[in-house]
Amino acid sequence: MTDGIPEFKIRLFQDSDRSDVIDLWHRCNLVVPQNDPQHDIDMKLKVQSDLFFVGTVSGRIVATVMAGYDGHRGWIYYLAVDPDYRRQQIGRRMMAKTESALKKRGCPKINLQVRTSNQTVISFYERLGFLNDDVIGLGKRP
C-alpha cells in the first residue's frame, strides 16, 4: 500500500494498454472531435515514447500522462485520473514522475494548456506550483 492506494504503480505505456487508455480519456472528457486518440497515441509512440506513463491499481489503468521535450520546454498532455480514484494523490504522483523524467533530460520549464472553463484542473495545477504565464495559446493545423 502506498499513500492509501493499494498496489498503485506507475509504468511506461504498452501498446496493449491502448483501449483501456482511450476509454479512460473518454471518461475524463479529454477526447475532443479534433483529436483522434488512436492517432495521438501512434504519434507519441514514434517520439519520446519513454515519456508516456500509465498509473495502475491492481493492474487496472487508472491514470495517464504524456510529456514531450523539445530541447527548450517540456509539455504535458493527457493527464487523466479515473473519476473513481481522484483526490487520492494519483494526479500529483503522475506529475511528479513526469517532472522527474523531464528534469533528467535537462528541461528548464514545463508548459501545459488547460481550457479556461476548467477551474478544477487549473486549481490542481496551481497547487502543484504552476502559474498563469499570462499568454494566449494559439494553434494551427498544417
Protein backbone atom coordinates (compact mmCIF):
# COMPACT_ATOMS: atom_id res chain seq x y z
CA MET A 1 0.00 0.00 0.00
CA THR A 2 1.34 3.42 -0.97
CA ASP A 3 -0.33 6.62 0.28
CA GLY A 4 -3.53 4.70 0.99
CA ILE A 5 -3.79 3.32 -2.57
CA PRO A 6 -3.32 -0.45 -2.76
CA GLU A 7 -0.82 -1.51 -5.39
CA PHE A 8 -0.57 1.89 -7.15
CA LYS A 9 2.26 1.77 -9.67
CA ILE A 10 3.48 3.99 -12.49
CA ARG A 11 4.97 2.38 -15.58
CA LEU A 12 5.53 3.09 -19.25
CA PHE A 13 2.61 2.78 -21.66
CA GLN A 14 2.45 -0.53 -23.56
CA ASP A 15 0.52 -0.91 -26.79
CA SER A 16 -1.71 -3.50 -25.10
CA ASP A 17 -2.92 -0.61 -22.87
CA ARG A 18 -4.36 1.29 -25.84
CA SER A 19 -8.08 0.52 -25.49
CA ASP A 20 -8.05 0.97 -21.69
CA VAL A 21 -6.22 4.30 -22.04
CA ILE A 22 -8.63 5.61 -24.67
CA ASP A 23 -11.59 4.51 -22.53
CA LEU A 24 -10.09 6.40 -19.57
CA TRP A 25 -9.59 9.52 -21.71
CA HIS A 26 -13.25 9.39 -22.75
CA ARG A 27 -14.40 9.03 -19.14
CA CYS A 28 -12.22 12.02 -18.21
CA ASN A 29 -13.60 14.11 -21.11
CA LEU A 30 -10.17 14.53 -22.70
CA VAL A 31 -11.20 13.38 -26.17
CA VAL A 32 -12.35 16.19 -28.42
CA PRO A 33 -13.56 15.94 -32.03
CA GLN A 34 -10.41 17.49 -33.49
CA ASN A 35 -8.12 14.93 -31.83
CA ASP A 36 -8.20 11.23 -32.66
CA PRO A 37 -6.84 9.41 -29.59
CA GLN A 38 -5.60 6.46 -31.68
CA HIS A 39 -3.59 8.85 -33.84
CA ASP A 40 -2.31 10.76 -30.79
CA ILE A 41 -1.02 7.51 -29.28
CA ASP A 42 0.57 6.48 -32.58
CA MET A 43 2.37 9.83 -32.82
CA LYS A 44 3.59 9.61 -29.21
CA LEU A 45 4.97 6.12 -29.72
CA LYS A 46 7.13 7.48 -32.55
CA VAL A 47 8.61 10.34 -30.49
CA GLN A 48 9.81 10.05 -26.88
CA SER A 49 7.65 7.05 -26.05
CA ASP A 50 9.52 6.90 -22.74
CA LEU A 51 7.54 9.98 -21.69
CA PHE A 52 4.15 8.23 -21.81
CA PHE A 53 3.16 6.84 -18.42
CA VAL A 54 0.21 4.94 -17.06
CA GLY A 55 -0.74 4.57 -13.41
CA THR A 56 -2.28 1.30 -12.29
CA VAL A 57 -4.09 -0.02 -9.25
CA SER A 58 -4.11 -3.80 -9.02
CA GLY A 59 -3.18 -3.89 -12.72
CA ARG A 60 -6.09 -1.65 -13.81
CA ILE A 61 -5.16 1.58 -15.61
CA VAL A 62 -6.45 4.49 -13.55
CA ALA A 63 -4.20 7.32 -14.77
CA THR A 64 -2.15 8.52 -17.74
CA VAL A 65 0.18 11.32 -18.66
CA MET A 66 2.14 12.13 -21.80
CA ALA A 67 5.03 14.55 -21.94
CA GLY A 68 7.38 15.92 -24.54
CA TYR A 69 10.60 17.89 -24.50
CA ASP A 70 11.80 19.90 -27.49
CA GLY A 71 15.13 20.99 -26.02
CA HIS A 72 13.67 24.29 -24.84
CA ARG A 73 10.45 23.49 -22.95
CA GLY A 74 8.65 20.45 -21.67
CA TRP A 75 4.96 19.94 -22.31
CA ILE A 76 2.32 17.91 -20.51
CA TYR A 77 -0.56 16.20 -22.32
CA TYR A 78 -3.34 13.80 -21.43
CA LEU A 79 -3.03 13.86 -17.66
CA ALA A 80 -6.05 11.77 -16.69
CA VAL A 81 -7.17 10.21 -13.42
CA ASP A 82 -10.14 7.88 -13.30
CA PRO A 83 -13.02 9.74 -11.61
CA ASP A 84 -13.31 6.89 -9.08
CA TYR A 85 -9.68 7.42 -8.00
CA ARG A 86 -9.47 11.21 -7.75
CA ARG A 87 -8.41 13.01 -4.58
CA GLN A 88 -6.01 10.20 -3.68
CA GLN A 89 -2.76 11.91 -4.80
CA ILE A 90 -2.62 9.94 -8.06
CA GLY A 91 -2.52 13.03 -10.29
CA ARG A 92 0.15 14.57 -8.10
CA ARG A 93 2.24 11.40 -8.28
CA MET A 94 1.83 11.11 -12.06
CA MET A 95 3.03 14.70 -12.41
CA ALA A 96 5.97 14.14 -10.05
CA LYS A 97 7.09 11.14 -12.14
CA THR A 98 6.75 13.17 -15.34
CA GLU A 99 8.53 16.21 -13.95
CA SER A 100 11.39 13.98 -12.79
CA ALA A 101 11.70 12.41 -16.25
CA LEU A 102 11.75 15.84 -17.89
CA LYS A 103 14.28 17.18 -15.38
CA LYS A 104 16.62 14.26 -16.17
CA ARG A 105 16.57 15.46 -19.79
CA GLY A 106 17.65 18.94 -18.71
CA CYS A 107 14.23 20.52 -19.13
CA PRO A 108 14.23 24.01 -17.53
CA LYS A 109 10.47 24.73 -17.67
CA ILE A 110 7.26 22.77 -18.16
CA ASN A 111 4.25 24.14 -20.01
CA LEU A 112 0.72 22.86 -20.28
CA GLN A 113 -2.58 24.12 -21.54
CA VAL A 114 -5.94 23.94 -19.77
CA ARG A 115 -9.25 25.19 -21.07
CA THR A 116 -10.12 28.39 -19.18
CA SER A 117 -13.51 26.93 -18.30
CA ASN A 118 -11.91 24.06 -16.35
CA GLN A 119 -11.33 25.77 -13.00
CA THR A 120 -10.98 22.50 -11.09
CA VAL A 121 -7.99 21.44 -13.20
CA ILE A 122 -6.48 24.93 -13.11
CA SER A 123 -6.64 24.83 -9.29
CA PHE A 124 -5.00 21.37 -9.28
CA TYR A 125 -2.05 22.62 -11.32
CA GLU A 126 -1.75 25.78 -9.23
CA ARG A 127 -1.44 23.59 -6.11
CA LEU A 128 1.47 21.85 -7.87
CA GLY A 129 3.22 25.19 -8.37
CA PHE A 130 2.17 26.03 -11.92
CA LEU A 131 1.46 29.70 -12.55
CA ASN A 132 -0.55 31.51 -15.17
CA ASP A 133 2.06 32.75 -17.67
CA ASP A 134 -0.43 35.33 -18.92
CA VAL A 135 -0.11 34.20 -22.52
CA ILE A 136 -2.63 33.20 -25.14
CA GLY A 137 -2.31 29.74 -26.63
CA LEU A 138 -2.50 29.79 -30.40
CA GLY A 139 -2.63 26.79 -32.65
CA LYS A 140 -2.76 25.88 -36.31
CA ARG A 141 -3.29 22.58 -38.03
CA PRO A 142 -0.99 22.44 -41.07
